[in-house]
PDB file of all heavy atoms in Angstrom:
ATOM      1  N   GLN A   1     -31.853  -6.390  57.102  1.00  0.00           N
ATOM      2  CA  GLN A   1     -32.869  -5.390  57.396  1.00  0.00           C
ATOM      3  C   GLN A   1     -32.252  -4.194  58.113  1.00  0.00           C
ATOM      4  O   GLN A   1     -31.350  -4.338  58.936  1.00  0.00           O
ATOM      5  CB  GLN A   1     -33.962  -6.016  58.272  1.00  0.00           C
ATOM      6  CG  GLN A   1     -35.252  -5.207  58.308  1.00  0.00           C
ATOM      7  CD  GLN A   1     -36.360  -5.976  59.025  1.00  0.00           C
ATOM      8  OE1 GLN A   1     -37.014  -5.412  59.884  1.00  0.00           O
ATOM      9  NE2 GLN A   1     -36.545  -7.229  58.681  1.00  0.00           N
ATOM     10  N   VAL A   2     -32.755  -3.001  57.772  1.00  0.00           N
ATOM     11  CA  VAL A   2     -32.266  -1.767  58.388  1.00  0.00           C
ATOM     12  C   VAL A   2     -33.461  -1.000  58.932  1.00  0.00           C
ATOM     13  O   VAL A   2     -34.412  -0.725  58.213  1.00  0.00           O
ATOM     14  CB  VAL A   2     -31.525  -0.879  57.364  1.00  0.00           C
ATOM     15  CG1 VAL A   2     -30.995   0.380  58.029  1.00  0.00           C
ATOM     16  CG2 VAL A   2     -30.405  -1.650  56.684  1.00  0.00           C
ATOM     17  N   ASP A   3     -33.425  -0.687  60.227  1.00  0.00           N
ATOM     18  CA  ASP A   3     -34.442   0.169  60.830  1.00  0.00           C
ATOM     19  C   ASP A   3     -33.940   1.595  60.681  1.00  0.00           C
ATOM     20  O   ASP A   3     -33.143   2.080  61.488  1.00  0.00           O
ATOM     21  CB  ASP A   3     -34.634  -0.199  62.305  1.00  0.00           C
ATOM     22  CG  ASP A   3     -35.784   0.559  62.954  1.00  0.00           C
ATOM     23  OD1 ASP A   3     -36.080   1.678  62.492  1.00  0.00           O
ATOM     24  OD2 ASP A   3     -36.381   0.035  63.895  1.00  0.00           O
ATOM     25  N   VAL A   4     -34.370   2.263  59.610  1.00  0.00           N
ATOM     26  CA  VAL A   4     -33.782   3.575  59.316  1.00  0.00           C
ATOM     27  C   VAL A   4     -34.171   4.623  60.342  1.00  0.00           C
ATOM     28  O   VAL A   4     -33.423   5.563  60.598  1.00  0.00           O
ATOM     29  CB  VAL A   4     -34.163   4.043  57.895  1.00  0.00           C
ATOM     30  CG1 VAL A   4     -33.471   3.197  56.857  1.00  0.00           C
ATOM     31  CG2 VAL A   4     -35.655   4.042  57.679  1.00  0.00           C
ATOM     32  N   GLY A   5     -35.354   4.495  60.941  1.00  0.00           N
ATOM     33  CA  GLY A   5     -35.778   5.466  61.946  1.00  0.00           C
ATOM     34  C   GLY A   5     -34.865   5.469  63.148  1.00  0.00           C
ATOM     35  O   GLY A   5     -34.537   6.512  63.697  1.00  0.00           O
ATOM     36  N   ARG A   6     -34.439   4.288  63.566  1.00  0.00           N
ATOM     37  CA  ARG A   6     -33.544   4.173  64.724  1.00  0.00           C
ATOM     38  C   ARG A   6     -32.083   4.066  64.317  1.00  0.00           C
ATOM     39  O   ARG A   6     -31.208   3.943  65.173  1.00  0.00           O
ATOM     40  CB  ARG A   6     -33.932   2.936  65.538  1.00  0.00           C
ATOM     41  CG  ARG A   6     -35.346   3.005  66.105  1.00  0.00           C
ATOM     42  CD  ARG A   6     -35.680   1.734  66.851  1.00  0.00           C
ATOM     43  NE  ARG A   6     -37.050   1.756  67.360  1.00  0.00           N
ATOM     44  CZ  ARG A   6     -37.645   0.717  67.948  1.00  0.00           C
ATOM     45  NH1 ARG A   6     -36.987  -0.411  68.094  1.00  0.00           N
ATOM     46  NH2 ARG A   6     -38.886   0.812  68.373  1.00  0.00           N
ATOM     47  N   GLU A   7     -31.832   4.051  63.012  1.00  0.00           N
ATOM     48  CA  GLU A   7     -30.474   3.925  62.483  1.00  0.00           C
ATOM     49  C   GLU A   7     -29.794   2.674  63.038  1.00  0.00           C
ATOM     50  O   GLU A   7     -28.656   2.702  63.498  1.00  0.00           O
ATOM     51  CB  GLU A   7     -29.645   5.182  62.774  1.00  0.00           C
ATOM     52  CG  GLU A   7     -30.238   6.438  62.176  1.00  0.00           C
ATOM     53  CD  GLU A   7     -29.342   7.648  62.302  1.00  0.00           C
ATOM     54  OE1 GLU A   7     -28.149   7.465  62.560  1.00  0.00           O
ATOM     55  OE2 GLU A   7     -29.843   8.767  62.141  1.00  0.00           O
ATOM     56  N   GLU A   8     -30.520   1.565  62.961  1.00  0.00           N
ATOM     57  CA  GLU A   8     -29.994   0.308  63.474  1.00  0.00           C
ATOM     58  C   GLU A   8     -30.030  -0.756  62.381  1.00  0.00           C
ATOM     59  O   GLU A   8     -30.940  -0.798  61.558  1.00  0.00           O
ATOM     60  CB  GLU A   8     -30.834  -0.198  64.665  1.00  0.00           C
ATOM     61  CG  GLU A   8     -30.714   0.650  65.918  1.00  0.00           C
ATOM     62  CD  GLU A   8     -31.591   0.105  67.039  1.00  0.00           C
ATOM     63  OE1 GLU A   8     -32.390  -0.812  66.762  1.00  0.00           O
ATOM     64  OE2 GLU A   8     -31.468   0.599  68.173  1.00  0.00           O
ATOM     65  N   ILE A   9     -29.044  -1.613  62.398  1.00  0.00           N
ATOM     66  CA  ILE A   9     -29.031  -2.787  61.539  1.00  0.00           C
ATOM     67  C   ILE A   9     -29.705  -3.919  62.291  1.00  0.00           C
ATOM     68  O   ILE A   9     -29.346  -4.228  63.425  1.00  0.00           O
ATOM     69  CB  ILE A   9     -27.580  -3.208  61.203  1.00  0.00           C
ATOM     70  CG1 ILE A   9     -26.816  -2.072  60.547  1.00  0.00           C
ATOM     71  CG2 ILE A   9     -27.587  -4.454  60.321  1.00  0.00           C
ATOM     72  CD1 ILE A   9     -27.316  -1.682  59.200  1.00  0.00           C
ATOM     73  N   VAL A  10     -30.709  -4.522  61.674  1.00  0.00           N
ATOM     74  CA  VAL A  10     -31.317  -5.728  62.238  1.00  0.00           C
ATOM     75  C   VAL A  10     -30.584  -6.884  61.582  1.00  0.00           C
ATOM     76  O   VAL A  10     -30.767  -7.157  60.400  1.00  0.00           O
ATOM     77  CB  VAL A  10     -32.830  -5.783  61.928  1.00  0.00           C
ATOM     78  CG1 VAL A  10     -33.447  -7.037  62.525  1.00  0.00           C
ATOM     79  CG2 VAL A  10     -33.526  -4.538  62.444  1.00  0.00           C
ATOM     80  N   LEU A  11     -29.727  -7.520  62.338  1.00  0.00           N
ATOM     81  CA  LEU A  11     -28.809  -8.480  61.743  1.00  0.00           C
ATOM     82  C   LEU A  11     -29.525  -9.788  61.413  1.00  0.00           C
ATOM     83  O   LEU A  11     -29.630 -10.688  62.242  1.00  0.00           O
ATOM     84  CB  LEU A  11     -27.624  -8.731  62.676  1.00  0.00           C
ATOM     85  CG  LEU A  11     -26.466  -9.522  62.059  1.00  0.00           C
ATOM     86  CD1 LEU A  11     -25.883  -8.765  60.870  1.00  0.00           C
ATOM     87  CD2 LEU A  11     -25.388  -9.784  63.087  1.00  0.00           C
ATOM     88  N   ASP A  12     -30.053  -9.867  60.194  1.00  0.00           N
ATOM     89  CA  ASP A  12     -30.638 -11.116  59.712  1.00  0.00           C
ATOM     90  C   ASP A  12     -30.182 -11.331  58.277  1.00  0.00           C
ATOM     91  O   ASP A  12     -30.980 -11.403  57.359  1.00  0.00           O
ATOM     92  CB  ASP A  12     -32.170 -11.076  59.803  1.00  0.00           C
ATOM     93  CG  ASP A  12     -32.778  -9.968  58.944  1.00  0.00           C
ATOM     94  OD1 ASP A  12     -32.044  -9.027  58.588  1.00  0.00           O
ATOM     95  OD2 ASP A  12     -33.964 -10.062  58.606  1.00  0.00           O
ATOM     96  N   PRO A  13     -28.855 -11.388  58.086  1.00  0.00           N
ATOM     97  CA  PRO A  13     -28.341 -11.461  56.719  1.00  0.00           C
ATOM     98  C   PRO A  13     -28.843 -12.692  55.974  1.00  0.00           C
ATOM     99  O   PRO A  13     -28.847 -13.800  56.504  1.00  0.00           O
ATOM    100  CB  PRO A  13     -26.822 -11.513  56.908  1.00  0.00           C
ATOM    101  CG  PRO A  13     -26.619 -11.993  58.296  1.00  0.00           C
ATOM    102  CD  PRO A  13     -27.785 -11.485  59.085  1.00  0.00           C
ATOM    103  N   ARG A  14     -29.285 -12.470  54.758  1.00  0.00           N
ATOM    104  CA  ARG A  14     -29.753 -13.556  53.906  1.00  0.00           C
ATOM    105  C   ARG A  14     -28.994 -13.495  52.592  1.00  0.00           C
ATOM    106  O   ARG A  14     -28.967 -12.466  51.936  1.00  0.00           O
ATOM    107  CB  ARG A  14     -31.258 -13.410  53.644  1.00  0.00           C
ATOM    108  CG  ARG A  14     -32.060 -13.402  54.928  1.00  0.00           C
ATOM    109  CD  ARG A  14     -33.536 -13.326  54.638  1.00  0.00           C
ATOM    110  NE  ARG A  14     -34.297 -13.151  55.867  1.00  0.00           N
ATOM    111  CZ  ARG A  14     -35.633 -13.137  55.914  1.00  0.00           C
ATOM    112  NH1 ARG A  14     -36.334 -13.274  54.814  1.00  0.00           N
ATOM    113  NH2 ARG A  14     -36.248 -12.977  57.072  1.00  0.00           N
ATOM    114  N   ARG A  15     -28.435 -14.604  52.226  1.00  0.00           N
ATOM    115  CA  ARG A  15     -27.666 -14.647  50.986  1.00  0.00           C
ATOM    116  C   ARG A  15     -28.592 -14.654  49.781  1.00  0.00           C
ATOM    117  O   ARG A  15     -29.707 -15.146  49.829  1.00  0.00           O
ATOM    118  CB  ARG A  15     -26.777 -15.887  50.950  1.00  0.00           C
ATOM    119  CG  ARG A  15     -25.561 -15.764  51.850  1.00  0.00           C
ATOM    120  CD  ARG A  15     -24.620 -16.921  51.648  1.00  0.00           C
ATOM    121  NE  ARG A  15     -23.288 -16.607  52.124  1.00  0.00           N
ATOM    122  CZ  ARG A  15     -22.217 -17.337  51.835  1.00  0.00           C
ATOM    123  NH1 ARG A  15     -22.332 -18.404  51.074  1.00  0.00           N
ATOM    124  NH2 ARG A  15     -21.036 -16.997  52.302  1.00  0.00           N
ATOM    125  N   VAL A  16     -28.069 -14.098  48.699  1.00  0.00           N
ATOM    126  CA  VAL A  16     -28.800 -14.086  47.438  1.00  0.00           C
ATOM    127  C   VAL A  16     -28.289 -15.244  46.589  1.00  0.00           C
ATOM    128  O   VAL A  16     -27.091 -15.519  46.556  1.00  0.00           O
ATOM    129  CB  VAL A  16     -28.582 -12.755  46.700  1.00  0.00           C
ATOM    130  CG1 VAL A  16     -29.428 -12.706  45.439  1.00  0.00           C
ATOM    131  CG2 VAL A  16     -28.912 -11.589  47.616  1.00  0.00           C
ATOM    132  N   ASP A  17     -29.220 -15.931  45.925  1.00  0.00           N
ATOM    133  CA  ASP A  17     -28.831 -17.061  45.092  1.00  0.00           C
ATOM    134  C   ASP A  17     -27.815 -16.646  44.040  1.00  0.00           C
ATOM    135  O   ASP A  17     -27.775 -15.476  43.627  1.00  0.00           O
ATOM    136  CB  ASP A  17     -30.059 -17.657  44.394  1.00  0.00           C
ATOM    137  CG  ASP A  17     -30.954 -18.414  45.371  1.00  0.00           C
ATOM    138  OD1 ASP A  17     -30.477 -18.741  46.471  1.00  0.00           O
ATOM    139  OD2 ASP A  17     -32.116 -18.675  45.016  1.00  0.00           O
ATOM    140  N   PRO A  18     -27.005 -17.588  43.572  1.00  0.00           N
ATOM    141  CA  PRO A  18     -26.012 -17.261  42.539  1.00  0.00           C
ATOM    142  C   PRO A  18     -26.661 -16.658  41.292  1.00  0.00           C
ATOM    143  O   PRO A  18     -27.809 -16.941  40.973  1.00  0.00           O
ATOM    144  CB  PRO A  18     -25.383 -18.624  42.214  1.00  0.00           C
ATOM    145  CG  PRO A  18     -25.621 -19.445  43.442  1.00  0.00           C
ATOM    146  CD  PRO A  18     -26.929 -18.987  44.000  1.00  0.00           C
ATOM    147  N   ILE A  19     -25.896 -15.829  40.612  1.00  0.00           N
ATOM    148  CA  ILE A  19     -26.386 -15.151  39.414  1.00  0.00           C
ATOM    149  C   ILE A  19     -25.547 -15.585  38.215  1.00  0.00           C
ATOM    150  O   ILE A  19     -24.415 -16.034  38.366  1.00  0.00           O
ATOM    151  CB  ILE A  19     -26.330 -13.620  39.581  1.00  0.00           C
ATOM    152  CG1 ILE A  19     -24.906 -13.183  39.961  1.00  0.00           C
ATOM    153  CG2 ILE A  19     -27.334 -13.153  40.616  1.00  0.00           C
ATOM    154  CD1 ILE A  19     -24.716 -11.700  40.033  1.00  0.00           C
ATOM    155  N   PRO A  20     -26.090 -15.430  37.002  1.00  0.00           N
ATOM    156  CA  PRO A  20     -25.382 -15.947  35.822  1.00  0.00           C
ATOM    157  C   PRO A  20     -24.199 -15.114  35.365  1.00  0.00           C
ATOM    158  O   PRO A  20     -23.346 -15.599  34.637  1.00  0.00           O
ATOM    159  CB  PRO A  20     -26.484 -15.938  34.748  1.00  0.00           C
ATOM    160  CG  PRO A  20     -27.426 -14.878  35.178  1.00  0.00           C
ATOM    161  CD  PRO A  20     -27.426 -14.924  36.680  1.00  0.00           C
ATOM    162  N   CYS A  21     -24.138 -13.855  35.759  1.00  0.00           N
ATOM    163  CA  CYS A  21     -23.095 -12.959  35.254  1.00  0.00           C
ATOM    164  C   CYS A  21     -22.153 -12.602  36.393  1.00  0.00           C
ATOM    165  O   CYS A  21     -22.454 -11.740  37.211  1.00  0.00           O
ATOM    166  CB  CYS A  21     -23.745 -11.700  34.672  1.00  0.00           C
ATOM    167  SG  CYS A  21     -22.585 -10.581  33.897  1.00  0.00           S
ATOM    168  N   HIS A  22     -21.038 -13.273  36.449  1.00  0.00           N
ATOM    169  CA  HIS A  22     -20.103 -13.072  37.555  1.00  0.00           C
ATOM    170  C   HIS A  22     -18.888 -12.297  37.043  1.00  0.00           C
ATOM    171  O   HIS A  22     -18.036 -12.837  36.343  1.00  0.00           O
ATOM    172  CB  HIS A  22     -19.666 -14.411  38.136  1.00  0.00           C
ATOM    173  CG  HIS A  22     -18.809 -14.276  39.361  1.00  0.00           C
ATOM    174  ND1 HIS A  22     -19.316 -13.920  40.587  1.00  0.00           N
ATOM    175  CD2 HIS A  22     -17.473 -14.429  39.543  1.00  0.00           C
ATOM    176  CE1 HIS A  22     -18.338 -13.868  41.480  1.00  0.00           C
ATOM    177  NE2 HIS A  22     -17.211 -14.170  40.871  1.00  0.00           N
ATOM    178  N   THR A  23     -18.828 -11.019  37.356  1.00  0.00           N
ATOM    179  CA  THR A  23     -17.710 -10.201  36.906  1.00  0.00           C
ATOM    180  C   THR A  23     -17.511  -9.067  37.898  1.00  0.00           C
ATOM    181  O   THR A  23     -18.202  -8.992  38.914  1.00  0.00           O
ATOM    182  CB  THR A  23     -17.966  -9.648  35.485  1.00  0.00           C
ATOM    183  OG1 THR A  23     -16.761  -9.044  34.993  1.00  0.00           O
ATOM    184  CG2 THR A  23     -19.082  -8.611  35.488  1.00  0.00           C
ATOM    185  N   ARG A  24     -16.570  -8.206  37.610  1.00  0.00           N
ATOM    186  CA  ARG A  24     -16.301  -7.049  38.458  1.00  0.00           C
ATOM    187  C   ARG A  24     -16.273  -5.798  37.599  1.00  0.00           C
ATOM    188  O   ARG A  24     -15.886  -5.840  36.428  1.00  0.00           O
ATOM    189  CB  ARG A  24     -14.942  -7.191  39.150  1.00  0.00           C
ATOM    190  CG  ARG A  24     -14.769  -8.422  40.008  1.00  0.00           C
ATOM    191  CD  ARG A  24     -13.355  -8.481  40.558  1.00  0.00           C
ATOM    192  NE  ARG A  24     -12.365  -8.417  39.483  1.00  0.00           N
ATOM    193  CZ  ARG A  24     -11.085  -8.061  39.653  1.00  0.00           C
ATOM    194  NH1 ARG A  24     -10.659  -7.725  40.856  1.00  0.00           N
ATOM    195  NH2 ARG A  24     -10.248  -8.042  38.643  1.00  0.00           N
ATOM    196  N   SER A  25     -16.651  -4.671  38.192  1.00  0.00           N
ATOM    197  CA  SER A  25     -16.577  -3.406  37.465  1.00  0.00           C
ATOM    198  C   SER A  25     -15.146  -3.100  37.044  1.00  0.00           C
ATOM    199  O   SER A  25     -14.911  -2.470  36.010  1.00  0.00           O
ATOM    200  CB  SER A  25     -17.142  -2.266  38.324  1.00  0.00           C
ATOM    201  OG  SER A  25     -18.531  -2.413  38.507  1.00  0.00           O
ATOM    202  N   THR A  26     -14.179  -3.542  37.845  1.00  0.00           N
ATOM    203  CA  THR A  26     -12.771  -3.336  37.497  1.00  0.00           C
ATOM    204  C   THR A  26     -12.461  -3.948  36.143  1.00  0.00           C
ATOM    205  O   THR A  26     -11.783  -3.335  35.298  1.00  0.00           O
ATOM    206  CB  THR A  26     -11.852  -3.947  38.571  1.00  0.00           C
ATOM    207  OG1 THR A  26     -12.118  -3.331  39.827  1.00  0.00           O
ATOM    208  CG2 THR A  26     -10.379  -3.760  38.204  1.00  0.00           C
ATOM    209  N   ASP A  27     -12.944  -5.180  35.898  1.00  0.00           N
ATOM    210  CA  ASP A  27     -12.703  -5.841  34.619  1.00  0.00           C
ATOM    211  C   ASP A  27     -13.322  -5.053  33.474  1.00  0.00           C
ATOM    212  O   ASP A  27     -12.735  -4.928  32.393  1.00  0.00           O
ATOM    213  CB  ASP A  27     -13.286  -7.256  34.639  1.00  0.00           C
ATOM    214  CG  ASP A  27     -12.663  -8.134  35.697  1.00  0.00           C
ATOM    215  OD1 ASP A  27     -11.513  -7.872  36.084  1.00  0.00           O
ATOM    216  OD2 ASP A  27     -13.330  -9.086  36.147  1.00  0.00           O
ATOM    217  N   VAL A  28     -14.520  -4.519  33.720  1.00  0.00           N
ATOM    218  CA  VAL A  28     -15.202  -3.740  32.691  1.00  0.00           C
ATOM    219  C   VAL A  28     -14.377  -2.498  32.333  1.00  0.00           C
ATOM    220  O   VAL A  28     -14.155  -2.189  31.156  1.00  0.00           O
ATOM    221  CB  VAL A  28     -16.618  -3.335  33.162  1.00  0.00           C
ATOM    222  CG1 VAL A  28     -17.278  -2.409  32.142  1.00  0.00           C
ATOM    223  CG2 VAL A  28     -17.479  -4.567  33.402  1.00  0.00           C
ATOM    224  N   ARG A  29     -13.899  -1.784  33.345  1.00  0.00           N
ATOM    225  CA  ARG A  29     -13.120  -0.568  33.089  1.00  0.00           C
ATOM    226  C   ARG A  29     -11.841  -0.880  32.316  1.00  0.00           C
ATOM    227  O   ARG A  29     -11.462  -0.156  31.395  1.00  0.00           O
ATOM    228  CB  ARG A  29     -12.768   0.139  34.410  1.00  0.00           C
ATOM    229  CG  ARG A  29     -13.972   0.662  35.164  1.00  0.00           C
ATOM    230  CD  ARG A  29     -13.558   1.610  36.271  1.00  0.00           C
ATOM    231  NE  ARG A  29     -12.693   1.012  37.260  1.00  0.00           N
ATOM    232  CZ  ARG A  29     -13.113   0.323  38.326  1.00  0.00           C
ATOM    233  NH1 ARG A  29     -14.408   0.125  38.529  1.00  0.00           N
ATOM    234  NH2 ARG A  29     -12.245  -0.167  39.205  1.00  0.00           N
ATOM    235  N   ILE A  30     -11.172  -1.948  32.700  1.00  0.00           N
ATOM    236  CA  ILE A  30      -9.929  -2.326  32.027  1.00  0.00           C
ATOM    237  C   ILE A  30     -10.191  -2.614  30.554  1.00  0.00           C
ATOM    238  O   ILE A  30      -9.458  -2.159  29.670  1.00  0.00           O
ATOM    239  CB  ILE A  30      -9.288  -3.546  32.723  1.00  0.00           C
ATOM    240  CG1 ILE A  30      -8.693  -3.134  34.071  1.00  0.00           C
ATOM    241  CG2 ILE A  30      -8.209  -4.165  31.843  1.00  0.00           C
ATOM    242  CD1 ILE A  30      -8.173  -4.290  34.892  1.00  0.00           C
ATOM    243  N   ASN A  31     -11.248  -3.358  30.277  1.00  0.00           N
ATOM    244  CA  ASN A  31     -11.527  -3.717  28.886  1.00  0.00           C
ATOM    245  C   ASN A  31     -11.877  -2.496  28.038  1.00  0.00           C
ATOM    246  O   ASN A  31     -11.413  -2.361  26.900  1.00  0.00           O
ATOM    247  CB  ASN A  31     -12.661  -4.738  28.832  1.00  0.00           C
ATOM    248  CG  ASN A  31     -12.215  -6.135  29.255  1.00  0.00           C
ATOM    249  OD1 ASN A  31     -11.026  -6.382  29.435  1.00  0.00           O
ATOM    250  ND2 ASN A  31     -13.151  -7.030  29.420  1.00  0.00           N
ATOM    251  N   PHE A  32     -12.704  -1.602  28.581  1.00  0.00           N
ATOM    252  CA  PHE A  32     -13.075  -0.423  27.800  1.00  0.00           C
ATOM    253  C   PHE A  32     -11.898   0.531  27.638  1.00  0.00           C
ATOM    254  O   PHE A  32     -11.743   1.163  26.596  1.00  0.00           O
ATOM    255  CB  PHE A  32     -14.283   0.285  28.430  1.00  0.00           C
ATOM    256  CG  PHE A  32     -15.591  -0.325  28.030  1.00  0.00           C
ATOM    257  CD1 PHE A  32     -16.196  -1.279  28.820  1.00  0.00           C
ATOM    258  CD2 PHE A  32     -16.213   0.037  26.845  1.00  0.00           C
ATOM    259  CE1 PHE A  32     -17.396  -1.864  28.453  1.00  0.00           C
ATOM    260  CE2 PHE A  32     -17.416  -0.540  26.459  1.00  0.00           C
ATOM    261  CZ  PHE A  32     -18.012  -1.497  27.257  1.00  0.00           C
ATOM    262  N   ALA A  33     -11.072   0.657  28.665  1.00  0.00           N
ATOM    263  CA  ALA A  33      -9.900   1.517  28.561  1.00  0.00           C
ATOM    264  C   ALA A  33      -8.923   0.997  27.514  1.00  0.00           C
ATOM    265  O   ALA A  33      -8.167   1.768  26.920  1.00  0.00           O
ATOM    266  CB  ALA A  33      -9.209   1.635  29.920  1.00  0.00           C
ATOM    267  N   ALA A  34      -8.954  -0.322  27.289  1.00  0.00           N
ATOM    268  CA  ALA A  34      -8.081  -0.933  26.284  1.00  0.00           C
ATOM    269  C   ALA A  34      -8.695  -0.892  24.890  1.00  0.00           C
ATOM    270  O   ALA A  34      -8.139  -1.433  23.944  1.00  0.00           O
ATOM    271  CB  ALA A  34      -7.786  -2.375  26.674  1.00  0.00           C
ATOM    272  N   GLY A  35      -9.874  -0.264  24.780  1.00  0.00           N
ATOM    273  CA  GLY A  35     -10.518  -0.152  23.480  1.00  0.00           C
ATOM    274  C   GLY A  35     -11.437  -1.311  23.155  1.00  0.00           C
ATOM    275  O   GLY A  35     -11.910  -1.432  22.017  1.00  0.00           O
ATOM    276  N   GLY A  36     -11.712  -2.154  24.148  1.00  0.00           N
ATOM    277  CA  GLY A  36     -12.570  -3.307  23.912  1.00  0.00           C
ATOM    278  C   GLY A  36     -13.974  -3.085  24.426  1.00  0.00           C
ATOM    279  O   GLY A  36     -14.473  -1.962  24.506  1.00  0.00           O
ATOM    280  N   THR A  37     -14.599  -4.193  24.786  1.00  0.00           N
ATOM    281  CA  THR A  37     -15.939  -4.143  25.361  1.00  0.00           C
ATOM    282  C   THR A  37     -16.006  -5.220  26.434  1.00  0.00           C
ATOM    283  O   THR A  37     -14.970  -5.723  26.858  1.00  0.00           O
ATOM    284  CB  THR A  37     -17.019  -4.336  24.280  1.00  0.00           C
ATOM    285  OG1 THR A  37     -18.318  -4.158  24.866  1.00  0.00           O
ATOM    286  CG2 THR A  37     -16.935  -5.713  23.635  1.00  0.00           C
ATOM    287  N   HIS A  38     -17.186  -5.584  26.886  1.00  0.00           N
ATOM    288  CA  HIS A  38     -17.313  -6.616  27.900  1.00  0.00           C
ATOM    289  C   HIS A  38     -18.667  -7.289  27.746  1.00  0.00           C
ATOM    290  O   HIS A  38     -19.685  -6.619  27.583  1.00  0.00           O
ATOM    291  CB  HIS A  38     -17.182  -6.026  29.308  1.00  0.00           C
ATOM    292  CG  HIS A  38     -16.918  -7.057  30.362  1.00  0.00           C
ATOM    293  ND1 HIS A  38     -17.917  -7.880  30.841  1.00  0.00           N
ATOM    294  CD2 HIS A  38     -15.781  -7.407  31.024  1.00  0.00           C
ATOM    295  CE1 HIS A  38     -17.399  -8.689  31.773  1.00  0.00           C
ATOM    296  NE2 HIS A  38     -16.106  -8.423  31.885  1.00  0.00           N
ATOM    297  N   TYR A  39     -18.666  -8.616  27.790  1.00  0.00           N
ATOM    298  CA  TYR A  39     -19.879  -9.376  27.525  1.00  0.00           C
ATOM    299  C   TYR A  39     -20.977  -9.118  28.547  1.00  0.00           C
ATOM    300  O   TYR A  39     -22.159  -9.335  28.262  1.00  0.00           O
ATOM    301  CB  TYR A  39     -19.551 -10.874  27.505  1.00  0.00           C
ATOM    302  CG  TYR A  39     -19.353 -11.492  28.874  1.00  0.00           C
ATOM    303  CD1 TYR A  39     -20.379 -12.187  29.509  1.00  0.00           C
ATOM    304  CD2 TYR A  39     -18.141 -11.371  29.547  1.00  0.00           C
ATOM    305  CE1 TYR A  39     -20.204 -12.742  30.767  1.00  0.00           C
ATOM    306  CE2 TYR A  39     -17.957 -11.917  30.795  1.00  0.00           C
ATOM    307  CZ  TYR A  39     -18.995 -12.609  31.395  1.00  0.00           C
ATOM    308  OH  TYR A  39     -18.814 -13.158  32.650  1.00  0.00           O
ATOM    309  N   CYS A  40     -20.625  -8.651  29.724  1.00  0.00           N
ATOM    310  CA  CYS A  40     -21.609  -8.516  30.799  1.00  0.00           C
ATOM    311  C   CYS A  40     -22.090  -7.072  30.969  1.00  0.00           C
ATOM    312  O   CYS A  40     -22.526  -6.697  32.043  1.00  0.00           O
ATOM    313  CB  CYS A  40     -20.998  -9.035  32.105  1.00  0.00           C
ATOM    314  SG  CYS A  40     -22.233  -9.583  33.313  1.00  0.00           S
ATOM    315  N   VAL A  41     -21.985  -6.282  29.915  1.00  0.00           N
ATOM    316  CA  VAL A  41     -22.427  -4.886  29.963  1.00  0.00           C
ATOM    317  C   VAL A  41     -23.565  -4.702  28.973  1.00  0.00           C
ATOM    318  O   VAL A  41     -23.468  -5.129  27.813  1.00  0.00           O
ATOM    319  CB  VAL A  41     -21.271  -3.926  29.639  1.00  0.00           C
ATOM    320  CG1 VAL A  41     -21.760  -2.488  29.528  1.00  0.00           C
ATOM    321  CG2 VAL A  41     -20.198  -4.019  30.716  1.00  0.00           C
ATOM    322  N   ASP A  42     -24.642  -4.067  29.419  1.00  0.00           N
ATOM    323  CA  ASP A  42     -25.773  -3.778  28.546  1.00  0.00           C
ATOM    324  C   ASP A  42     -25.271  -2.981  27.326  1.00  0.00           C
ATOM    325  O   ASP A  42     -24.476  -2.053  27.476  1.00  0.00           O
ATOM    326  CB  ASP A  42     -26.801  -2.954  29.334  1.00  0.00           C
ATOM    327  CG  ASP A  42     -28.068  -2.687  28.547  1.00  0.00           C
ATOM    328  OD1 ASP A  42     -28.009  -1.881  27.596  1.00  0.00           O
ATOM    329  OD2 ASP A  42     -29.114  -3.250  28.901  1.00  0.00           O
TER     330      ASP A  42
END
């Protein structure tokens, strides 16, 4: 949570459940630069 008016972080970090598509933008760029594609890109 962020209190934007006071510019403060309210430290209550909550993890997000795992997601089905685990990749990095770096991998996407490498594949497209090589003339390929990537399964995790719309």
